[in-house]
């Protein structure tokens, strides 16, 4: 998993945003929650 997704998940957690839409070919197919993206140990707030 790339650092960009991990950085986004960390920002989501810090901002209190729990989910983002998942799109495929500009069509909604579901949601991604911040907990779907694993972070390195110690990288996140509580």
Protein backbone atom coordinates (compact mmCIF):
# COMPACT_ATOMS: atom_id res chain seq x y z
CA UNK A 1 0.00 0.00 0.00
CA UNK A 2 1.43 3.34 -1.00
CA UNK A 3 2.33 6.14 1.36
CA UNK A 4 -0.30 8.37 -0.24
CA UNK A 5 -3.18 6.18 0.94
CA UNK A 6 -1.66 5.91 4.41
CA UNK A 7 -1.21 9.69 4.61
CA UNK A 8 -4.82 10.17 3.52
CA UNK A 9 -6.08 7.71 6.14
CA UNK A 10 -4.12 9.54 8.83
CA UNK A 11 -5.56 12.90 7.76
CA UNK A 12 -9.07 11.39 7.73
CA UNK A 13 -8.64 10.15 11.30
CA UNK A 14 -7.22 13.46 12.51
CA UNK A 15 -10.08 15.40 10.86
CA UNK A 16 -12.78 13.04 12.09
CA UNK A 17 -13.83 12.07 8.56
CA UNK A 18 -14.75 8.40 8.63
CA UNK A 19 -15.40 7.55 5.01
CA UNK A 20 -14.90 8.58 1.41
CA UNK A 21 -16.74 7.44 -1.72
CA UNK A 22 -15.11 4.76 -3.86
CA UNK A 23 -15.49 5.39 -7.59
CA UNK A 24 -14.84 3.28 -10.66
CA UNK A 25 -15.04 5.03 -14.03
CA UNK A 26 -16.68 7.97 -12.22
CA UNK A 27 -19.48 5.73 -10.88
CA UNK A 28 -19.96 5.20 -7.14
CA UNK A 29 -19.28 1.59 -6.17
CA UNK A 30 -19.04 1.88 -2.39
CA UNK A 31 -17.15 3.60 0.39
CA UNK A 32 -13.70 3.36 1.89
CA UNK A 33 -13.42 3.88 5.61
CA UNK A 34 -10.25 5.11 7.24
CA UNK A 35 -9.91 1.79 9.11
CA UNK A 36 -9.64 -0.08 5.77
CA UNK A 37 -6.16 1.41 5.28
CA UNK A 38 -3.57 0.04 7.71
CA UNK A 39 -1.11 2.51 9.20
CA UNK A 40 2.36 1.82 10.54
CA UNK A 41 2.38 1.24 14.28
CA UNK A 42 2.52 4.50 16.23
CA UNK A 43 1.57 6.64 13.22
CA UNK A 44 -1.87 7.62 14.43
CA UNK A 45 -3.55 9.52 17.12
CA UNK A 46 -5.84 7.63 19.47
